[in-house]
């Protein structure tokens, strides 16, 4: 490319940036949809975005970022994004921020995830783990005290525990602590934390004494480097491995969870955003399978599309996450703004 052409292109790019107001919303007429949030939801949203852009001949650009569920909601409630990816429902404090800034939203479930506990494939002792053992391992009281595997289970070796997990802005962190410890955000902090699931994958893959947790799609992409640990929900039961089948049939408990997109009502007034969300709900089931997430029943997508058509504003959770609820029950609840 000649220097003159580079200068012209650079000037055009700067002009586009200048058209974006300080709040982050793109001016009317710009064919851009802005999405940010959960790293767990990212694979399916990114797949939908690519398919949508291809279907539209790239006339509409979908920008998908990853800042964690909490980070995504902060941007969303400031009006900086059109859609927020979330691996857990919006929380009460986030609802209050959105309300204060005048951001109304639709809560749309798009898939199920098997939150997956993983170890190094050379680990020779962790063939399954109970919910109680996970709780003892990850609860705040374990910090600085439970540092050897034998302290959790006498049958395990006297080897150092190395833990890897999502950071506090992650919806995966919120859901795991709610489901396992019994209170969202309640966790020991002496572990290697990252909002980037690929960093967690690398940490566990490099340490024989490591354990970590994250969304199923990241485990599925790295099965040659990691081993999933079957979860024993209650004493006397067999351990259940995470898979699309065990998520769909309800046997992988309590770490199966719904994944969401939250769409701004104001942004849905723009044709490109409305069209993208409709495309998302129409194609989420097929594309969820491609990225190793569990699709919802077709009835659930129909109900979600109906909620979109009726502009069913708000959340069915009321700011309080729940563990183990079915997706169709969610969709039949009355949403609260």
C-alpha atoms as a PDB file:
ATOM      1  CA  UNK A   1       0.000   0.000   0.000  1.00  0.00           C
ATOM      2  CA  UNK A   2       1.342   3.454  -0.946  1.00  0.00           C
ATOM      3  CA  UNK A   3       1.792   6.054   1.820  1.00  0.00           C
ATOM      4  CA  UNK A   4      -0.912   8.259   0.293  1.00  0.00           C
ATOM      5  CA  UNK A   5      -3.415   5.381   0.411  1.00  0.00           C
ATOM      6  CA  UNK A   6      -2.456   4.615   4.012  1.00  0.00           C
ATOM      7  CA  UNK A   7      -3.038   8.237   5.010  1.00  0.00           C
ATOM      8  CA  UNK A   8      -6.479   8.252   3.356  1.00  0.00           C
ATOM      9  CA  UNK A   9      -7.476   5.005   5.079  1.00  0.00           C
ATOM     10  CA  UNK A  10      -6.187   6.244   8.420  1.00  0.00           C
ATOM     11  CA  UNK A  11      -8.167   9.442   8.058  1.00  0.00           C
ATOM     12  CA  UNK A  12     -11.313   7.450   7.293  1.00  0.00           C
ATOM     13  CA  UNK A  13     -10.745   5.300  10.372  1.00  0.00           C
ATOM     14  CA  UNK A  14     -10.266   8.372  12.587  1.00  0.00           C
ATOM     15  CA  UNK A  15     -13.486   9.824  11.176  1.00  0.00           C
ATOM     16  CA  UNK A  16     -15.384   6.689  12.228  1.00  0.00           C
ATOM     17  CA  UNK A  17     -13.951   6.933  15.730  1.00  0.00           C
ATOM     18  CA  UNK A  18     -14.935  10.584  15.921  1.00  0.00           C
ATOM     19  CA  UNK A  19     -18.524   9.588  15.185  1.00  0.00           C
ATOM     20  CA  UNK A  20     -18.706   7.580  18.409  1.00  0.00           C
ATOM     21  CA  UNK A  21     -20.028   9.643  21.347  1.00  0.00           C
ATOM     22  CA  UNK A  22     -18.295   9.575  24.740  1.00  0.00           C
ATOM     23  CA  UNK A  23     -20.889   7.141  26.159  1.00  0.00           C
ATOM     24  CA  UNK A  24     -19.738   4.521  23.646  1.00  0.00           C
ATOM     25  CA  UNK A  25     -22.993   4.269  21.646  1.00  0.00           C
ATOM     26  CA  UNK A  26     -22.524   4.412  17.904  1.00  0.00           C
ATOM     27  CA  UNK A  27     -24.378   7.210  16.138  1.00  0.00           C
ATOM     28  CA  UNK A  28     -27.574   6.352  14.293  1.00  0.00           C
ATOM     29  CA  UNK A  29     -26.832   5.015  10.835  1.00  0.00           C
ATOM     30  CA  UNK A  30     -23.534   3.322  11.701  1.00  0.00           C
ATOM     31  CA  UNK A  31     -24.013  -0.405  11.100  1.00  0.00           C
ATOM     32  CA  UNK A  32     -22.184  -1.633  14.190  1.00  0.00           C
ATOM     33  CA  UNK A  33     -23.422  -3.857  17.024  1.00  0.00           C
ATOM     34  CA  UNK A  34     -21.336  -3.787  20.220  1.00  0.00           C
ATOM     35  CA  UNK A  35     -21.253  -6.810  22.541  1.00  0.00           C
ATOM     36  CA  UNK A  36     -19.126  -7.443  25.632  1.00  0.00           C
ATOM     37  CA  UNK A  37     -19.106  -9.604  28.751  1.00  0.00           C
ATOM     38  CA  UNK A  38     -18.687 -13.261  29.657  1.00  0.00           C
ATOM     39  CA  UNK A  39     -15.767 -15.320  28.363  1.00  0.00           C
ATOM     40  CA  UNK A  40     -17.995 -18.396  28.674  1.00  0.00           C
ATOM     41  CA  UNK A  41     -20.689 -16.950  26.426  1.00  0.00           C
ATOM     42  CA  UNK A  42     -18.105 -15.494  24.041  1.00  0.00           C
ATOM     43  CA  UNK A  43     -17.665 -18.643  21.875  1.00  0.00           C
ATOM     44  CA  UNK A  44     -21.359 -18.873  20.983  1.00  0.00           C
ATOM     45  CA  UNK A  45     -21.799 -15.107  20.537  1.00  0.00           C
ATOM     46  CA  UNK A  46     -18.702 -14.961  18.360  1.00  0.00           C
ATOM     47  CA  UNK A  47     -19.992 -17.857  16.240  1.00  0.00           C
ATOM     48  CA  UNK A  48     -23.362 -16.137  15.849  1.00  0.00           C
ATOM     49  CA  UNK A  49     -21.634 -12.842  14.996  1.00  0.00           C
ATOM     50  CA  UNK A  50     -19.560 -14.464  12.237  1.00  0.00           C
ATOM     51  CA  UNK A  51     -22.591 -16.209  10.762  1.00  0.00           C
ATOM     52  CA  UNK A  52     -24.658 -13.011  10.914  1.00  0.00           C
ATOM     53  CA  UNK A  53     -21.967 -10.887   9.288  1.00  0.00           C
ATOM     54  CA  UNK A  54     -21.580 -13.450   6.524  1.00  0.00           C
ATOM     55  CA  UNK A  55     -25.343 -13.549   5.963  1.00  0.00           C
ATOM     56  CA  UNK A  56     -25.400  -9.743   5.725  1.00  0.00           C
ATOM     57  CA  UNK A  57     -22.445  -9.591   3.353  1.00  0.00           C
ATOM     58  CA  UNK A  58     -20.454  -7.834   6.112  1.00  0.00           C
ATOM     59  CA  UNK A  59     -22.707  -4.793   5.791  1.00  0.00           C
ATOM     60  CA  UNK A  60     -23.136  -4.936   9.584  1.00  0.00           C
ATOM     61  CA  UNK A  61     -20.154  -5.270  11.910  1.00  0.00           C
ATOM     62  CA  UNK A  62     -20.588  -7.117  15.231  1.00  0.00           C
ATOM     63  CA  UNK A  63     -17.830  -6.317  17.719  1.00  0.00           C
ATOM     64  CA  UNK A  64     -17.563  -8.937  20.508  1.00  0.00           C
ATOM     65  CA  UNK A  65     -15.403  -8.191  23.540  1.00  0.00           C
ATOM     66  CA  UNK A  66     -14.522 -10.206  26.638  1.00  0.00           C
ATOM     67  CA  UNK A  67     -14.335  -8.428  29.992  1.00  0.00           C
ATOM     68  CA  UNK A  68     -16.169 -10.943  32.175  1.00  0.00           C
ATOM     69  CA  UNK A  69     -19.853 -10.909  33.098  1.00  0.00           C
ATOM     70  CA  UNK A  70     -19.377  -8.218  35.741  1.00  0.00           C
ATOM     71  CA  UNK A  71     -17.172  -6.079  33.501  1.00  0.00           C
ATOM     72  CA  UNK A  72     -19.654  -6.480  30.669  1.00  0.00           C
ATOM     73  CA  UNK A  73     -22.564  -5.316  32.818  1.00  0.00           C
ATOM     74  CA  UNK A  74     -20.596  -2.242  33.917  1.00  0.00           C
ATOM     75  CA  UNK A  75     -20.144  -1.228  30.278  1.00  0.00           C
ATOM     76  CA  UNK A  76     -23.742  -2.150  29.427  1.00  0.00           C
ATOM     77  CA  UNK A  77     -25.226  -0.103  32.265  1.00  0.00           C
ATOM     78  CA  UNK A  78     -23.130   2.892  31.185  1.00  0.00           C
ATOM     79  CA  UNK A  79     -24.663   2.632  27.723  1.00  0.00           C
ATOM     80  CA  UNK A  80     -21.383   1.649  26.072  1.00  0.00           C
ATOM     81  CA  UNK A  81     -22.642  -1.618  24.561  1.00  0.00           C
ATOM     82  CA  UNK A  82     -25.804  -2.862  22.888  1.00  0.00           C
ATOM     83  CA  UNK A  83     -25.704  -6.413  24.240  1.00  0.00           C
ATOM     84  CA  UNK A  84     -24.111  -7.965  27.322  1.00  0.00           C
ATOM     85  CA  UNK A  85     -22.994 -11.603  27.422  1.00  0.00           C
ATOM     86  CA  UNK A  86     -23.608 -13.125  30.861  1.00  0.00           C
ATOM     87  CA  UNK A  87     -22.904 -16.509  32.414  1.00  0.00           C
ATOM     88  CA  UNK A  88     -25.128 -15.617  35.369  1.00  0.00           C
ATOM     89  CA  UNK A  89     -28.156 -13.346  35.784  1.00  0.00           C
ATOM     90  CA  UNK A  90     -27.861  -9.625  36.380  1.00  0.00           C
ATOM     91  CA  UNK A  91     -27.359  -8.812  40.073  1.00  0.00           C
ATOM     92  CA  UNK A  92     -29.333  -6.376  42.201  1.00  0.00           C
ATOM     93  CA  UNK A  93     -26.560  -3.766  42.307  1.00  0.00           C
ATOM     94  CA  UNK A  94     -26.182  -3.951  38.522  1.00  0.00           C
ATOM     95  CA  UNK A  95     -29.934  -3.541  38.129  1.00  0.00           C
ATOM     96  CA  UNK A  96     -29.750  -0.407  40.259  1.00  0.00           C
ATOM     97  CA  UNK A  97     -26.945   1.048  38.148  1.00  0.00           C
ATOM     98  CA  UNK A  98     -28.871   0.357  34.930  1.00  0.00           C
ATOM     99  CA  UNK A  99     -31.986   1.908  36.442  1.00  0.00           C
ATOM    100  CA  UNK A 100     -30.029   5.027  37.448  1.00  0.00           C
ATOM    101  CA  UNK A 101     -28.654   5.449  33.931  1.00  0.00           C
ATOM    102  CA  UNK A 102     -31.991   4.727  32.237  1.00  0.00           C
ATOM    103  CA  UNK A 103     -30.872   1.451  30.639  1.00  0.00           C
ATOM    104  CA  UNK A 104     -33.749  -1.003  30.148  1.00  0.00           C
ATOM    105  CA  UNK A 105     -33.023  -4.516  28.946  1.00  0.00           C
ATOM    106  CA  UNK A 106     -34.357  -7.889  27.874  1.00  0.00           C
ATOM    107  CA  UNK A 107     -32.932 -11.040  29.468  1.00  0.00           C
ATOM    108  CA  UNK A 108     -32.651 -13.791  26.838  1.00  0.00           C
ATOM    109  CA  UNK A 109     -31.286 -17.275  27.650  1.00  0.00           C
ATOM    110  CA  UNK A 110     -29.293 -18.693  24.731  1.00  0.00           C
ATOM    111  CA  UNK A 111     -27.694 -21.986  25.882  1.00  0.00           C
ATOM    112  CA  UNK A 112     -26.662 -24.185  28.793  1.00  0.00           C
ATOM    113  CA  UNK A 113     -23.130 -24.629  30.055  1.00  0.00           C
ATOM    114  CA  UNK A 114     -21.465 -27.353  32.095  1.00  0.00           C
ATOM    115  CA  UNK A 115     -19.169 -25.492  34.442  1.00  0.00           C
ATOM    116  CA  UNK A 116     -16.224 -27.893  34.386  1.00  0.00           C
ATOM    117  CA  UNK A 117     -13.714 -28.807  37.100  1.00  0.00           C
ATOM    118  CA  UNK A 118     -10.427 -29.885  35.533  1.00  0.00           C
ATOM    119  CA  UNK A 119      -7.074 -31.337  36.569  1.00  0.00           C
ATOM    120  CA  UNK A 120      -3.827 -32.145  34.840  1.00  0.00           C
ATOM    121  CA  UNK A 121      -4.123 -35.366  32.788  1.00  0.00           C
ATOM    122  CA  UNK A 122      -1.172 -36.839  34.735  1.00  0.00           C
ATOM    123  CA  UNK A 123      -3.123 -36.522  37.985  1.00  0.00           C
ATOM    124  CA  UNK A 124      -3.464 -40.138  39.181  1.00  0.00           C
ATOM    125  CA  UNK A 125      -5.710 -39.709  42.230  1.00  0.00           C
ATOM    126  CA  UNK A 126      -8.615 -37.346  41.489  1.00  0.00           C
ATOM    127  CA  UNK A 127     -11.053 -39.688  39.749  1.00  0.00           C
ATOM    128  CA  UNK A 128     -14.097 -37.829  41.113  1.00  0.00           C
ATOM    129  CA  UNK A 129     -14.838 -35.172  43.700  1.00  0.00           C
ATOM    130  CA  UNK A 130     -17.856 -34.537  45.907  1.00  0.00           C
ATOM    131  CA  UNK A 131     -19.605 -31.194  46.243  1.00  0.00           C
ATOM    132  CA  UNK A 132     -18.610 -31.203  49.920  1.00  0.00           C
ATOM    133  CA  UNK A 133     -14.932 -31.716  49.034  1.00  0.00           C
ATOM    134  CA  UNK A 134     -15.116 -28.885  46.527  1.00  0.00           C
ATOM    135  CA  UNK A 135     -16.694 -26.670  49.180  1.00  0.00           C
ATOM    136  CA  UNK A 136     -13.962 -27.452  51.715  1.00  0.00           C
ATOM    137  CA  UNK A 137     -11.351 -26.814  49.041  1.00  0.00           C
ATOM    138  CA  UNK A 138     -12.671 -23.458  47.799  1.00  0.00           C
ATOM    139  CA  UNK A 139     -14.467 -21.829  50.757  1.00  0.00           C
ATOM    140  CA  UNK A 140     -12.846 -18.802  52.477  1.00  0.00           C
ATOM    141  CA  UNK A 141     -12.010 -20.842  55.591  1.00  0.00           C
ATOM    142  CA  UNK A 142      -9.591 -22.942  53.509  1.00  0.00           C
ATOM    143  CA  UNK A 143      -7.360 -19.996  52.714  1.00  0.00           C
ATOM    144  CA  UNK A 144      -3.819 -20.501  53.971  1.00  0.00           C
ATOM    145  CA  UNK A 145      -4.881 -23.642  55.859  1.00  0.00           C
ATOM    146  CA  UNK A 146      -5.821 -26.353  53.385  1.00  0.00           C
ATOM    147  CA  UNK A 147      -2.754 -26.387  51.179  1.00  0.00           C
ATOM    148  CA  UNK A 148      -2.141 -30.135  50.689  1.00  0.00           C
ATOM    149  CA  UNK A 149      -4.408 -32.588  48.889  1.00  0.00           C
ATOM    150  CA  UNK A 150      -4.315 -35.060  51.798  1.00  0.00           C
ATOM    151  CA  UNK A 151      -5.994 -32.438  53.993  1.00  0.00           C
ATOM    152  CA  UNK A 152      -9.111 -32.646  51.811  1.00  0.00           C
ATOM    153  CA  UNK A 153      -9.202 -36.448  51.521  1.00  0.00           C
ATOM    154  CA  UNK A 154      -6.921 -38.833  53.441  1.00  0.00           C
ATOM    155  CA  UNK A 155      -6.742 -41.117  50.395  1.00  0.00           C
ATOM    156  CA  UNK A 156      -5.126 -38.379  48.328  1.00  0.00           C
ATOM    157  CA  UNK A 157      -1.371 -37.712  48.312  1.00  0.00           C
ATOM    158  CA  UNK A 158       0.548 -35.296  50.498  1.00  0.00           C
ATOM    159  CA  UNK A 159       1.122 -32.989  47.541  1.00  0.00           C
ATOM    160  CA  UNK A 160       0.713 -29.206  47.275  1.00  0.00           C
ATOM    161  CA  UNK A 161      -2.623 -27.867  46.014  1.00  0.00           C
ATOM    162  CA  UNK A 162      -2.375 -25.495  43.064  1.00  0.00           C
ATOM    163  CA  UNK A 163      -5.663 -23.775  42.227  1.00  0.00           C
ATOM    164  CA  UNK A 164      -6.666 -21.799  39.136  1.00  0.00           C
ATOM    165  CA  UNK A 165      -9.991 -20.021  38.684  1.00  0.00           C
ATOM    166  CA  UNK A 166     -11.828 -17.025  37.286  1.00  0.00           C
ATOM    167  CA  UNK A 167     -11.448 -13.563  38.754  1.00  0.00           C
ATOM    168  CA  UNK A 168     -14.103 -11.808  40.819  1.00  0.00           C
ATOM    169  CA  UNK A 169     -15.609 -10.058  37.769  1.00  0.00           C
ATOM    170  CA  UNK A 170     -16.493 -13.401  36.214  1.00  0.00           C
ATOM    171  CA  UNK A 171     -20.006 -14.804  36.147  1.00  0.00           C
ATOM    172  CA  UNK A 172     -18.435 -18.259  36.321  1.00  0.00           C
ATOM    173  CA  UNK A 173     -16.860 -17.266  39.651  1.00  0.00           C
ATOM    174  CA  UNK A 174     -20.240 -16.047  40.895  1.00  0.00           C
ATOM    175  CA  UNK A 175     -22.095 -19.196  39.867  1.00  0.00           C
ATOM    176  CA  UNK A 176     -19.445 -21.627  41.134  1.00  0.00           C
ATOM    177  CA  UNK A 177     -19.285 -20.005  44.555  1.00  0.00           C
ATOM    178  CA  UNK A 178     -23.088 -19.880  44.780  1.00  0.00           C
ATOM    179  CA  UNK A 179     -23.487 -23.534  43.749  1.00  0.00           C
ATOM    180  CA  UNK A 180     -20.553 -24.990  45.694  1.00  0.00           C
ATOM    181  CA  UNK A 181     -19.817 -22.725  48.652  1.00  0.00           C
ATOM    182  CA  UNK A 182     -23.405 -21.577  49.101  1.00  0.00           C
ATOM    183  CA  UNK A 183     -22.848 -17.850  48.660  1.00  0.00           C
ATOM    184  CA  UNK A 184     -21.904 -15.933  45.529  1.00  0.00           C
ATOM    185  CA  UNK A 185     -18.407 -14.400  45.588  1.00  0.00           C
ATOM    186  CA  UNK A 186     -17.513 -16.345  48.752  1.00  0.00           C
ATOM    187  CA  UNK A 187     -14.149 -17.972  47.988  1.00  0.00           C
ATOM    188  CA  UNK A 188     -10.602 -18.366  49.154  1.00  0.00           C
ATOM    189  CA  UNK A 189      -8.409 -15.873  47.329  1.00  0.00           C
ATOM    190  CA  UNK A 190      -5.049 -17.629  47.466  1.00  0.00           C
ATOM    191  CA  UNK A 191      -5.368 -19.031  43.970  1.00  0.00           C
ATOM    192  CA  UNK A 192      -4.229 -17.954  40.511  1.00  0.00           C
ATOM    193  CA  UNK A 193      -7.101 -15.882  39.105  1.00  0.00           C
ATOM    194  CA  UNK A 194      -7.685 -14.674  35.562  1.00  0.00           C
ATOM    195  CA  UNK A 195     -10.600 -13.398  33.465  1.00  0.00           C
ATOM    196  CA  UNK A 196      -8.999 -15.171  30.493  1.00  0.00           C
ATOM    197  CA  UNK A 197      -9.992 -18.846  30.533  1.00  0.00           C
ATOM    198  CA  UNK A 198      -7.081 -19.703  28.244  1.00  0.00           C
ATOM    199  CA  UNK A 199      -4.695 -18.588  30.998  1.00  0.00           C
ATOM    200  CA  UNK A 200      -6.434 -20.979  33.391  1.00  0.00           C
ATOM    201  CA  UNK A 201      -6.153 -23.801  30.844  1.00  0.00           C
ATOM    202  CA  UNK A 202      -2.413 -23.236  30.561  1.00  0.00           C
ATOM    203  CA  UNK A 203      -1.959 -23.094  34.344  1.00  0.00           C
ATOM    204  CA  UNK A 204      -3.614 -26.476  34.939  1.00  0.00           C
ATOM    205  CA  UNK A 205      -1.980 -28.066  31.894  1.00  0.00           C
ATOM    206  CA  UNK A 206       1.483 -27.164  33.225  1.00  0.00           C
ATOM    207  CA  UNK A 207       1.093 -28.349  36.834  1.00  0.00           C
ATOM    208  CA  UNK A 208       0.441 -31.957  37.837  1.00  0.00           C
ATOM    209  CA  UNK A 209      -1.032 -30.888  41.200  1.00  0.00           C
ATOM    210  CA  UNK A 210      -3.362 -28.250  39.772  1.00  0.00           C
ATOM    211  CA  UNK A 211      -7.136 -27.911  39.672  1.00  0.00           C
ATOM    212  CA  UNK A 212      -9.199 -25.259  37.927  1.00  0.00           C
ATOM    213  CA  UNK A 213     -12.716 -24.526  36.729  1.00  0.00           C
ATOM    214  CA  UNK A 214     -14.281 -22.742  33.755  1.00  0.00           C
ATOM    215  CA  UNK A 215     -16.871 -23.212  31.014  1.00  0.00           C
ATOM    216  CA  UNK A 216     -17.212 -26.515  29.164  1.00  0.00           C
ATOM    217  CA  UNK A 217     -16.280 -25.162  25.725  1.00  0.00           C
ATOM    218  CA  UNK A 218     -12.766 -24.261  26.906  1.00  0.00           C
ATOM    219  CA  UNK A 219     -12.319 -27.757  28.341  1.00  0.00           C
ATOM    220  CA  UNK A 220     -13.663 -29.304  25.134  1.00  0.00           C
ATOM    221  CA  UNK A 221     -11.079 -27.421  23.083  1.00  0.00           C
ATOM    222  CA  UNK A 222      -8.277 -28.676  25.351  1.00  0.00           C
ATOM    223  CA  UNK A 223      -9.163 -32.312  26.115  1.00  0.00           C
ATOM    224  CA  UNK A 224      -5.658 -33.379  25.119  1.00  0.00           C
ATOM    225  CA  UNK A 225      -4.212 -31.102  27.826  1.00  0.00           C
ATOM    226  CA  UNK A 226      -6.790 -31.454  30.621  1.00  0.00           C
ATOM    227  CA  UNK A 227      -9.007 -34.035  32.322  1.00  0.00           C
ATOM    228  CA  UNK A 228     -12.507 -33.265  33.570  1.00  0.00           C
ATOM    229  CA  UNK A 229     -13.339 -34.444  37.095  1.00  0.00           C
ATOM    230  CA  UNK A 230     -16.747 -36.165  37.561  1.00  0.00           C
ATOM    231  CA  UNK A 231     -18.884 -34.426  40.196  1.00  0.00           C
ATOM    232  CA  UNK A 232     -20.606 -36.370  42.988  1.00  0.00           C
ATOM    233  CA  UNK A 233     -23.632 -34.299  43.949  1.00  0.00           C
ATOM    234  CA  UNK A 234     -24.558 -36.299  47.073  1.00  0.00           C
ATOM    235  CA  UNK A 235     -22.814 -39.076  49.061  1.00  0.00           C
ATOM    236  CA  UNK A 236     -23.540 -42.538  47.682  1.00  0.00           C
ATOM    237  CA  UNK A 237     -24.152 -41.339  44.144  1.00  0.00           C
ATOM    238  CA  UNK A 238     -21.850 -41.925  41.205  1.00  0.00           C
ATOM    239  CA  UNK A 239     -19.755 -39.133  39.821  1.00  0.00           C
ATOM    240  CA  UNK A 240     -21.138 -37.504  36.663  1.00  0.00           C
ATOM    241  CA  UNK A 241     -18.873 -36.153  33.938  1.00  0.00           C
ATOM    242  CA  UNK A 242     -19.704 -32.879  32.205  1.00  0.00           C
ATOM    243  CA  UNK A 243     -21.023 -33.318  28.674  1.00  0.00           C
ATOM    244  CA  UNK A 244     -23.738 -31.948  26.435  1.00  0.00           C
ATOM    245  CA  UNK A 245     -25.791 -35.060  27.192  1.00  0.00           C
ATOM    246  CA  UNK A 246     -25.527 -34.834  31.001  1.00  0.00           C
ATOM    247  CA  UNK A 247     -26.358 -31.135  30.896  1.00  0.00           C
ATOM    248  CA  UNK A 248     -29.431 -31.669  28.732  1.00  0.00           C
ATOM    249  CA  UNK A 249     -30.746 -34.650  30.737  1.00  0.00           C
ATOM    250  CA  UNK A 250     -30.201 -32.821  34.023  1.00  0.00           C
ATOM    251  CA  UNK A 251     -27.807 -35.310  35.650  1.00  0.00           C
ATOM    252  CA  UNK A 252     -24.798 -32.955  35.799  1.00  0.00           C
ATOM    253  CA  UNK A 253     -25.594 -31.098  39.001  1.00  0.00           C
ATOM    254  CA  UNK A 254     -25.162 -28.565  40.489  1.00  0.00           C
ATOM    255  CA  UNK A 255     -22.797 -27.053  37.905  1.00  0.00           C
ATOM    256  CA  UNK A 256     -25.145 -26.877  34.907  1.00  0.00           C
ATOM    257  CA  UNK A 257     -26.208 -23.303  34.288  1.00  0.00           C
ATOM    258  CA  UNK A 258     -28.024 -21.186  31.710  1.00  0.00           C
ATOM    259  CA  UNK A 259     -26.180 -18.562  29.687  1.00  0.00           C
ATOM    260  CA  UNK A 260     -27.720 -15.260  28.642  1.00  0.00           C
ATOM    261  CA  UNK A 261     -27.535 -12.221  26.457  1.00  0.00           C
ATOM    262  CA  UNK A 262     -29.000  -8.955  27.724  1.00  0.00           C
ATOM    263  CA  UNK A 263     -30.199  -6.620  24.988  1.00  0.00           C
ATOM    264  CA  UNK A 264     -30.635  -2.875  25.542  1.00  0.00           C
ATOM    265  CA  UNK A 265     -34.164  -1.690  24.766  1.00  0.00           C
ATOM    266  CA  UNK A 266     -32.775   1.552  23.345  1.00  0.00           C
ATOM    267  CA  UNK A 267     -30.344  -0.346  21.114  1.00  0.00           C
ATOM    268  CA  UNK A 268     -33.121  -2.651  19.901  1.00  0.00           C
ATOM    269  CA  UNK A 269     -34.631   0.445  18.336  1.00  0.00           C
ATOM    270  CA  UNK A 270     -31.811   0.278  15.795  1.00  0.00           C
ATOM    271  CA  UNK A 271     -32.595  -2.194  12.984  1.00  0.00           C
ATOM    272  CA  UNK A 272     -29.126  -3.752  12.953  1.00  0.00           C
ATOM    273  CA  UNK A 273     -29.294  -4.639  16.668  1.00  0.00           C
ATOM    274  CA  UNK A 274     -32.856  -5.952  16.488  1.00  0.00           C
ATOM    275  CA  UNK A 275     -31.990  -8.044  13.441  1.00  0.00           C
ATOM    276  CA  UNK A 276     -28.879  -9.461  15.107  1.00  0.00           C
ATOM    277  CA  UNK A 277     -30.773 -10.499  18.244  1.00  0.00           C
ATOM    278  CA  UNK A 278     -33.502 -12.191  16.185  1.00  0.00           C
ATOM    279  CA  UNK A 279     -30.800 -13.972  14.173  1.00  0.00           C
ATOM    280  CA  UNK A 280     -29.118 -15.015  17.440  1.00  0.00           C
ATOM    281  CA  UNK A 281     -32.253 -16.682  18.818  1.00  0.00           C
ATOM    282  CA  UNK A 282     -32.994 -18.374  15.503  1.00  0.00           C
ATOM    283  CA  UNK A 283     -29.501 -19.861  15.144  1.00  0.00           C
ATOM    284  CA  UNK A 284     -28.292 -20.251  18.740  1.00  0.00           C
ATOM    285  CA  UNK A 285     -29.277 -23.920  19.010  1.00  0.00           C
ATOM    286  CA  UNK A 286     -27.281 -24.984  15.956  1.00  0.00           C
ATOM    287  CA  UNK A 287     -24.255 -22.816  16.733  1.00  0.00           C
ATOM    288  CA  UNK A 288     -24.225 -23.753  20.433  1.00  0.00           C
ATOM    289  CA  UNK A 289     -23.504 -27.349  19.410  1.00  0.00           C
ATOM    290  CA  UNK A 290     -20.644 -26.214  17.176  1.00  0.00           C
ATOM    291  CA  UNK A 291     -18.878 -24.481  20.100  1.00  0.00           C
ATOM    292  CA  UNK A 292     -19.658 -27.355  22.515  1.00  0.00           C
ATOM    293  CA  UNK A 293     -22.356 -25.603  24.518  1.00  0.00           C
ATOM    294  CA  UNK A 294     -25.648 -27.362  25.202  1.00  0.00           C
ATOM    295  CA  UNK A 295     -28.513 -25.923  23.141  1.00  0.00           C
ATOM    296  CA  UNK A 296     -31.817 -25.124  24.770  1.00  0.00           C
ATOM    297  CA  UNK A 297     -34.967 -27.006  23.775  1.00  0.00           C
ATOM    298  CA  UNK A 298     -36.560 -25.490  20.665  1.00  0.00           C
ATOM    299  CA  UNK A 299     -39.541 -24.499  22.812  1.00  0.00           C
ATOM    300  CA  UNK A 300     -37.212 -22.337  24.922  1.00  0.00           C
ATOM    301  CA  UNK A 301     -35.956 -20.415  21.882  1.00  0.00           C
ATOM    302  CA  UNK A 302     -39.548 -19.895  20.745  1.00  0.00           C
ATOM    303  CA  UNK A 303     -40.463 -18.515  24.152  1.00  0.00           C
ATOM    304  CA  UNK A 304     -37.400 -16.247  24.099  1.00  0.00           C
ATOM    305  CA  UNK A 305     -38.360 -14.960  20.639  1.00  0.00           C
ATOM    306  CA  UNK A 306     -41.870 -14.340  21.921  1.00  0.00           C
ATOM    307  CA  UNK A 307     -40.442 -12.384  24.862  1.00  0.00           C
ATOM    308  CA  UNK A 308     -38.417 -10.340  22.387  1.00  0.00           C
ATOM    309  CA  UNK A 309     -41.490  -9.649  20.277  1.00  0.00           C
ATOM    310  CA  UNK A 310     -43.462  -8.573  23.358  1.00  0.00           C
ATOM    311  CA  UNK A 311     -40.460  -6.610  24.695  1.00  0.00           C
ATOM    312  CA  UNK A 312     -40.579  -8.411  28.035  1.00  0.00           C
ATOM    313  CA  UNK A 313     -38.333  -6.024  29.934  1.00  0.00           C
ATOM    314  CA  UNK A 314     -36.309  -6.964  33.012  1.00  0.00           C
ATOM    315  CA  UNK A 315     -35.046 -10.111  34.702  1.00  0.00           C
ATOM    316  CA  UNK A 316     -36.869 -13.131  36.083  1.00  0.00           C
ATOM    317  CA  UNK A 317     -34.330 -13.411  38.914  1.00  0.00           C
ATOM    318  CA  UNK A 318     -34.857 -10.055  40.605  1.00  0.00           C
ATOM    319  CA  UNK A 319     -31.123  -9.668  41.180  1.00  0.00           C
ATOM    320  CA  UNK A 320     -30.699 -12.938  43.083  1.00  0.00           C
ATOM    321  CA  UNK A 321     -28.997 -15.873  41.282  1.00  0.00           C
ATOM    322  CA  UNK A 322     -30.546 -19.311  41.595  1.00  0.00           C
ATOM    323  CA  UNK A 323     -28.947 -22.726  41.205  1.00  0.00           C
ATOM    324  CA  UNK A 324     -30.641 -25.612  39.416  1.00  0.00           C
ATOM    325  CA  UNK A 325     -33.635 -23.810  37.900  1.00  0.00           C
ATOM    326  CA  UNK A 326     -34.909 -25.026  34.519  1.00  0.00           C
ATOM    327  CA  UNK A 327     -34.800 -22.720  31.538  1.00  0.00           C
ATOM    328  CA  UNK A 328     -38.481 -23.059  30.653  1.00  0.00           C
ATOM    329  CA  UNK A 329     -39.413 -22.088  34.201  1.00  0.00           C
ATOM    330  CA  UNK A 330     -37.280 -18.985  33.789  1.00  0.00           C
ATOM    331  CA  UNK A 331     -38.978 -17.985  30.577  1.00  0.00           C
ATOM    332  CA  UNK A 332     -42.466 -18.317  32.065  1.00  0.00           C
ATOM    333  CA  UNK A 333     -41.731 -16.059  35.014  1.00  0.00           C
ATOM    334  CA  UNK A 334     -42.688 -12.429  34.991  1.00  0.00           C
ATOM    335  CA  UNK A 335     -39.644 -10.251  34.472  1.00  0.00           C
ATOM    336  CA  UNK A 336     -38.803  -7.440  36.865  1.00  0.00           C
ATOM    337  CA  UNK A 337     -36.975  -4.290  35.707  1.00  0.00           C
END
